[in-house]
PDB file of N, CA and C in Angstrom:
ATOM      1  N   THR A   1      11.007   3.970  17.898  1.00  0.00           N
ATOM      2  CA  THR A   1       9.810   4.852  18.296  1.00  0.00           C
ATOM      3  C   THR A   1       8.962   5.277  17.294  1.00  0.00           C
ATOM      4  N   LEU A   2       7.936   5.870  17.923  1.00  0.00           N
ATOM      5  CA  LEU A   2       6.850   6.374  16.955  1.00  0.00           C
ATOM      6  C   LEU A   2       7.377   7.171  15.748  1.00  0.00           C
ATOM      7  N   PHE A   3       8.277   8.097  15.847  1.00  0.00           N
ATOM      8  CA  PHE A   3       8.724   8.916  14.815  1.00  0.00           C
ATOM      9  C   PHE A   3       9.344   8.141  13.911  1.00  0.00           C
ATOM     10  N   ARG A   4      10.155   7.255  14.191  1.00  0.00           N
ATOM     11  CA  ARG A   4      10.962   6.341  13.231  1.00  0.00           C
ATOM     12  C   ARG A   4       9.802   5.481  12.419  1.00  0.00           C
ATOM     13  N   SER A   5       8.988   5.045  13.103  1.00  0.00           N
ATOM     14  CA  SER A   5       8.036   4.288  12.475  1.00  0.00           C
ATOM     15  C   SER A   5       7.024   4.843  11.419  1.00  0.00           C
ATOM     16  N   ILE A   6       6.714   6.289  11.664  1.00  0.00           N
ATOM     17  CA  ILE A   6       6.059   7.089  10.859  1.00  0.00           C
ATOM     18  C   ILE A   6       6.880   7.434   9.629  1.00  0.00           C
ATOM     19  N   ASN A   7       8.287   7.757  10.015  1.00  0.00           N
ATOM     20  CA  ASN A   7       9.251   8.054   8.817  1.00  0.00           C
ATOM     21  C   ASN A   7       9.425   6.837   7.956  1.00  0.00           C
ATOM     22  N   ASN A   8       9.376   5.579   8.342  1.00  0.00           N
ATOM     23  CA  ASN A   8       9.463   4.518   7.616  1.00  0.00           C
ATOM     24  C   ASN A   8       8.311   4.468   6.744  1.00  0.00           C
ATOM     25  N   LEU A   9       7.212   4.475   7.222  1.00  0.00           N
ATOM     26  CA  LEU A   9       5.862   4.389   6.405  1.00  0.00           C
ATOM     27  C   LEU A   9       5.855   5.472   5.489  1.00  0.00           C
ATOM     28  N   ASN A  10       6.248   6.630   5.697  1.00  0.00           N
ATOM     29  CA  ASN A  10       6.304   7.645   4.644  1.00  0.00           C
ATOM     30  C   ASN A  10       7.386   7.544   3.431  1.00  0.00           C
ATOM     31  N   LYS A  11       8.495   6.825   3.840  1.00  0.00           N
ATOM     32  CA  LYS A  11       9.686   6.220   2.853  1.00  0.00           C
ATOM     33  C   LYS A  11       8.870   5.284   2.031  1.00  0.00           C
ATOM     34  N   LEU A  12       8.214   4.159   2.679  1.00  0.00           N
ATOM     35  CA  LEU A  12       7.469   3.136   1.777  1.00  0.00           C
ATOM     36  C   LEU A  12       6.510   3.705   0.919  1.00  0.00           C
ATOM     37  N   SER A  13       5.607   4.574   1.432  1.00  0.00           N
ATOM     38  CA  SER A  13       4.604   5.298   0.562  1.00  0.00           C
ATOM     39  C   SER A  13       5.180   5.950  -0.669  1.00  0.00           C
ATOM     40  N   LYS A  14       6.479   6.557  -0.410  1.00  0.00           N
ATOM     41  CA  LYS A  14       6.987   7.355  -1.686  1.00  0.00           C
ATOM     42  C   LYS A  14       7.739   6.362  -2.525  1.00  0.00           C
ATOM     43  N   VAL A  15       8.145   5.266  -2.149  1.00  0.00           N
ATOM     44  CA  VAL A  15       8.800   4.228  -3.077  1.00  0.00           C
ATOM     45  C   VAL A  15       7.748   3.733  -3.907  1.00  0.00           C
ATOM     46  N   GLN A  16       6.614   3.414  -3.244  1.00  0.00           N
ATOM     47  CA  GLN A  16       5.536   2.910  -3.875  1.00  0.00           C
ATOM     48  C   GLN A  16       4.897   4.039  -5.113  1.00  0.00           C
ATOM     49  N   LEU A  17       4.836   5.122  -4.646  1.00  0.00           N
ATOM     50  CA  LEU A  17       4.285   6.306  -5.805  1.00  0.00           C
ATOM     51  C   LEU A  17       5.369   6.271  -6.867  1.00  0.00           C
ATOM     52  N   GLU A  18       6.617   6.127  -6.465  1.00  0.00           N
ATOM     53  CA  GLU A  18       7.796   6.211  -7.513  1.00  0.00           C
ATOM     54  C   GLU A  18       7.693   4.954  -8.495  1.00  0.00           C
ATOM     55  N   ILE A  19       7.324   3.698  -7.959  1.00  0.00           N
ATOM     56  CA  ILE A  19       7.150   2.697  -8.712  1.00  0.00           C
ATOM     57  C   ILE A  19       5.819   2.757  -9.614  1.00  0.00           C
ATOM     58  N   SER A  20       4.931   3.107  -8.994  1.00  0.00           N
ATOM     59  CA  SER A  20       3.546   3.288  -9.797  1.00  0.00           C
ATOM     60  C   SER A  20       3.801   4.351 -10.773  1.00  0.00           C
ATOM     61  N   ASN A  21       4.423   5.392 -10.455  1.00  0.00           N
ATOM     62  CA  ASN A  21       4.602   6.535 -11.660  1.00  0.00           C
ATOM     63  C   ASN A  21       5.457   5.958 -12.805  1.00  0.00           C
ATOM     64  N   SER A  22       6.248   5.143 -12.391  1.00  0.00           N
ATOM     65  CA  SER A  22       7.251   4.579 -13.676  1.00  0.00           C
ATOM     66  C   SER A  22       6.268   3.505 -14.345  1.00  0.00           C
ATOM     67  N   ILE A  23       5.519   2.758 -13.777  1.00  0.00           N
ATOM     68  CA  ILE A  23       4.601   1.691 -14.515  1.00  0.00           C
ATOM     69  C   ILE A  23       3.803   2.515 -15.272  1.00  0.00           C
ATOM     70  N   CYS A  24       3.070   3.613 -14.865  1.00  0.00           N
ATOM     71  CA  CYS A  24       2.139   4.539 -15.507  1.00  0.00           C
ATOM     72  C   CYS A  24       2.901   5.080 -16.924  1.00  0.00           C
ATOM     73  N   ILE A  25       4.083   5.571 -16.737  1.00  0.00           N
ATOM     74  CA  ILE A  25       4.906   6.117 -17.830  1.00  0.00           C
ATOM     75  C   ILE A  25       5.090   5.030 -18.952  1.00  0.00           C
ATOM     76  N   LYS A  26       5.684   3.860 -18.347  1.00  0.00           N
ATOM     77  CA  LYS A  26       5.979   2.786 -19.288  1.00  0.00           C
ATOM     78  C   LYS A  26       4.740   2.187 -20.089  1.00  0.00           C
ATOM     79  N   GLU A  27       3.665   2.139 -19.417  1.00  0.00           N
ATOM     80  CA  GLU A  27       2.590   1.526 -20.001  1.00  0.00           C
ATOM     81  C   GLU A  27       1.735   2.591 -20.790  1.00  0.00           C
ATOM     82  N   GLY A  28       2.115   3.807 -20.510  1.00  0.00           N
ATOM     83  CA  GLY A  28       1.427   5.046 -21.369  1.00  0.00           C
ATOM     84  C   GLY A  28       0.053   5.167 -20.797  1.00  0.00           C
ATOM     85  N   TYR A  29      -0.192   5.002 -19.597  1.00  0.00           N
ATOM     86  CA  TYR A  29      -1.389   5.537 -18.880  1.00  0.00           C
ATOM     87  C   TYR A  29      -1.761   7.104 -18.835  1.00  0.00           C
ATOM     88  N   GLU A  30      -2.900   7.177 -19.085  1.00  0.00           N
ATOM     89  CA  GLU A  30      -3.310   8.750 -19.057  1.00  0.00           C
ATOM     90  C   GLU A  30      -4.227   9.146 -17.755  1.00  0.00           C
ATOM     91  N   GLU A  31      -4.377  10.380 -17.510  1.00  0.00           N
ATOM     92  CA  GLU A  31      -5.208  10.795 -16.388  1.00  0.00           C
ATOM     93  C   GLU A  31      -6.666  10.139 -16.500  1.00  0.00           C
ATOM     94  N   GLU A  32      -7.157   9.938 -17.621  1.00  0.00           N
ATOM     95  CA  GLU A  32      -8.658   9.511 -17.932  1.00  0.00           C
ATOM     96  C   GLU A  32      -8.527   7.965 -17.676  1.00  0.00           C
ATOM     97  N   ASP A  33      -7.495   7.289 -17.510  1.00  0.00           N
ATOM     98  CA  ASP A  33      -7.186   5.812 -17.066  1.00  0.00           C
ATOM     99  C   ASP A  33      -7.507   5.561 -15.604  1.00  0.00           C
ATOM    100  N   PHE A  34      -7.464   6.738 -14.684  1.00  0.00           N
ATOM    101  CA  PHE A  34      -7.484   6.491 -13.386  1.00  0.00           C
ATOM    102  C   PHE A  34      -8.769   6.158 -12.959  1.00  0.00           C
ATOM    103  N   VAL A  35      -8.799   5.002 -12.045  1.00  0.00           N
ATOM    104  CA  VAL A  35      -9.995   4.632 -11.471  1.00  0.00           C
ATOM    105  C   VAL A  35      -9.732   4.520  -9.779  1.00  0.00           C
ATOM    106  N   SER A  36     -10.415   5.245  -9.017  1.00  0.00           N
ATOM    107  CA  SER A  36     -10.111   5.558  -7.565  1.00  0.00           C
ATOM    108  C   SER A  36     -10.805   4.058  -6.853  1.00  0.00           C
ATOM    109  N   THR A  37     -10.211   3.622  -5.784  1.00  0.00           N
ATOM    110  CA  THR A  37     -10.802   2.501  -5.154  1.00  0.00           C
ATOM    111  C   THR A  37     -12.236   2.627  -4.505  1.00  0.00           C
ATOM    112  N   SER A  38     -12.650   4.112  -4.547  1.00  0.00           N
ATOM    113  CA  SER A  38     -13.950   4.185  -4.009  1.00  0.00           C
ATOM    114  C   SER A  38     -15.079   3.950  -5.128  1.00  0.00           C
ATOM    115  N   GLU A  39     -14.384   4.043  -6.510  1.00  0.00           N
ATOM    116  CA  GLU A  39     -15.434   3.632  -7.670  1.00  0.00           C
ATOM    117  C   GLU A  39     -15.275   2.110  -7.960  1.00  0.00           C
ATOM    118  N   PHE A  40     -14.289   1.500  -7.689  1.00  0.00           N
ATOM    119  CA  PHE A  40     -13.845   0.024  -8.042  1.00  0.00           C
ATOM    120  C   PHE A  40     -12.711  -0.424  -7.424  1.00  0.00           C
ATOM    121  N   THR A  41     -12.693  -1.493  -6.763  1.00  0.00           N
ATOM    122  CA  THR A  41     -11.497  -2.175  -6.068  1.00  0.00           C
ATOM    123  C   THR A  41     -11.519  -3.615  -6.704  1.00  0.00           C
ATOM    124  N   SER A  42     -10.209  -3.661  -7.326  1.00  0.00           N
ATOM    125  CA  SER A  42      -9.927  -5.160  -8.140  1.00  0.00           C
ATOM    126  C   SER A  42      -9.855  -6.093  -6.990  1.00  0.00           C
ATOM    127  N   GLY A  43      -9.962  -7.441  -7.440  1.00  0.00           N
ATOM    128  CA  GLY A  43     -10.028  -8.565  -6.590  1.00  0.00           C
ATOM    129  C   GLY A  43      -8.505  -8.691  -5.999  1.00  0.00           C
ATOM    130  N   LEU A  44      -7.513  -8.230  -6.877  1.00  0.00           N
ATOM    131  CA  LEU A  44      -6.064  -8.314  -6.598  1.00  0.00           C
ATOM    132  C   LEU A  44      -5.863  -7.368  -5.487  1.00  0.00           C
ATOM    133  N   VAL A  45      -6.302  -6.086  -5.399  1.00  0.00           N
ATOM    134  CA  VAL A  45      -6.101  -5.245  -4.269  1.00  0.00           C
ATOM    135  C   VAL A  45      -6.922  -5.653  -3.123  1.00  0.00           C
ATOM    136  N   THR A  46      -8.240  -6.043  -3.201  1.00  0.00           N
ATOM    137  CA  THR A  46      -8.737  -6.685  -2.162  1.00  0.00           C
ATOM    138  C   THR A  46      -8.154  -7.734  -1.408  1.00  0.00           C
ATOM    139  N   LYS A  47      -7.537  -8.680  -2.120  1.00  0.00           N
ATOM    140  CA  LYS A  47      -6.904  -9.690  -1.587  1.00  0.00           C
ATOM    141  C   LYS A  47      -5.583  -9.287  -0.860  1.00  0.00           C
ATOM    142  N   ALA A  48      -4.942  -8.284  -1.497  1.00  0.00           N
ATOM    143  CA  ALA A  48      -3.674  -7.659  -0.921  1.00  0.00           C
ATOM    144  C   ALA A  48      -4.028  -6.968   0.410  1.00  0.00           C
ATOM    145  N   TYR A  49      -5.066  -6.279   0.520  1.00  0.00           N
ATOM    146  CA  TYR A  49      -5.600  -5.728   1.685  1.00  0.00           C
ATOM    147  C   TYR A  49      -5.805  -6.721   2.746  1.00  0.00           C
ATOM    148  N   GLU A  50      -6.511  -7.861   2.416  1.00  0.00           N
ATOM    149  CA  GLU A  50      -6.801  -8.872   3.338  1.00  0.00           C
ATOM    150  C   GLU A  50      -5.407  -9.352   3.936  1.00  0.00           C
ATOM    151  N   GLU A  51      -4.399  -9.581   3.174  1.00  0.00           N
ATOM    152  CA  GLU A  51      -3.165 -10.023   3.562  1.00  0.00           C
ATOM    153  C   GLU A  51      -2.518  -9.079   4.434  1.00  0.00           C
ATOM    154  N   VAL A  52      -2.528  -8.001   4.226  1.00  0.00           N
ATOM    155  CA  VAL A  52      -1.922  -6.913   5.082  1.00  0.00           C
ATOM    156  C   VAL A  52      -2.534  -6.882   6.310  1.00  0.00           C
ATOM    157  N   GLU A  53      -3.831  -6.960   6.250  1.00  0.00           N
ATOM    158  CA  GLU A  53      -4.621  -7.047   7.573  1.00  0.00           C
ATOM    159  C   GLU A  53      -4.058  -8.157   8.634  1.00  0.00           C
ATOM    160  N   LYS A  54      -4.084  -9.279   8.108  1.00  0.00           N
ATOM    161  CA  LYS A  54      -3.799 -10.310   8.740  1.00  0.00           C
ATOM    162  C   LYS A  54      -2.349 -10.326   9.236  1.00  0.00           C
ATOM    163  N   GLN A  55      -1.338  -9.643   8.278  1.00  0.00           N
ATOM    164  CA  GLN A  55       0.124  -9.622   9.122  1.00  0.00           C
ATOM    165  C   GLN A  55      -0.014  -8.544  10.041  1.00  0.00           C
ATOM    166  N   ILE A  56      -0.648  -7.591   9.909  1.00  0.00           N
ATOM    167  CA  ILE A  56      -0.586  -6.474  10.970  1.00  0.00           C
ATOM    168  C   ILE A  56      -1.398  -7.161  12.219  1.00  0.00           C
ATOM    169  N   ALA A  57      -2.464  -7.648  12.203  1.00  0.00           N
ATOM    170  CA  ALA A  57      -3.061  -8.459  13.213  1.00  0.00           C
ATOM    171  C   ALA A  57      -2.191  -9.362  14.071  1.00  0.00           C
ATOM    172  N   ASN A  58      -1.272 -10.416  13.182  1.00  0.00           N
ATOM    173  CA  ASN A  58      -0.521 -11.381  13.772  1.00  0.00           C
ATOM    174  C   ASN A  58       0.663 -10.533  14.450  1.00  0.00           C
ATOM    175  N   SER A  59       1.121  -9.404  13.853  1.00  0.00           N
ATOM    176  CA  SER A  59       2.338  -8.679  14.410  1.00  0.00           C
ATOM    177  C   SER A  59       1.860  -8.000  15.821  1.00  0.00           C
ATOM    178  N   ASN A  60       0.531  -7.495  15.858  1.00  0.00           N
ATOM    179  CA  ASN A  60       0.086  -6.895  16.803  1.00  0.00           C
ATOM    180  C   ASN A  60      -0.094  -7.933  18.081  1.00  0.00           C
ATOM    181  N   ILE A  61      -0.346  -9.096  17.631  1.00  0.00           N
ATOM    182  CA  ILE A  61      -0.540 -10.114  18.764  1.00  0.00           C
ATOM    183  C   ILE A  61       0.808 -10.364  19.328  1.00  0.00           C
ATOM    184  N   LYS A  62       1.620 -10.647  18.523  1.00  0.00           N
ATOM    185  CA  LYS A  62       3.281 -11.076  18.882  1.00  0.00           C
ATOM    186  C   LYS A  62       3.740  -9.887  19.814  1.00  0.00           C
ATOM    187  N   ASN A  63       3.384  -8.755  19.406  1.00  0.00           N
ATOM    188  CA  ASN A  63       4.049  -7.435  20.144  1.00  0.00           C
ATOM    189  C   ASN A  63       3.442  -7.258  21.485  1.00  0.00           C
ATOM    190  N   SER A  64       1.984  -7.629  21.500  1.00  0.00           N
ATOM    191  CA  SER A  64       1.437  -7.606  22.737  1.00  0.00           C
ATOM    192  C   SER A  64       1.711  -8.668  23.778  1.00  0.00           C
ATOM    193  N   SER A  65       2.348  -9.853  23.448  1.00  0.00           N
ATOM    194  CA  SER A  65       2.800 -10.834  24.307  1.00  0.00           C
ATOM    195  C   SER A  65       4.043 -10.626  24.779  1.00  0.00           C
ATOM    196  N   LEU A  66       4.818  -9.659  24.177  1.00  0.00           N
ATOM    197  CA  LEU A  66       6.131  -9.404  24.852  1.00  0.00           C
ATOM    198  C   LEU A  66       6.067  -8.898  26.133  1.00  0.00           C
TER     199      LEU A  66
END
């Protein structure tokens, strides 16, 4: 259901935030080290977005043919 999907997305986002926070603490990053993706997007992040877009598109095609 839609509610379950939204709940799962929320959980995944929280897990990612917890991991990111732990990495920031371990690496000693400070607030001034933050760079938003509107300022700069690394090649790795761009590639990850492209891969996710492909996976979502493939999933949508599979689901629509059911």
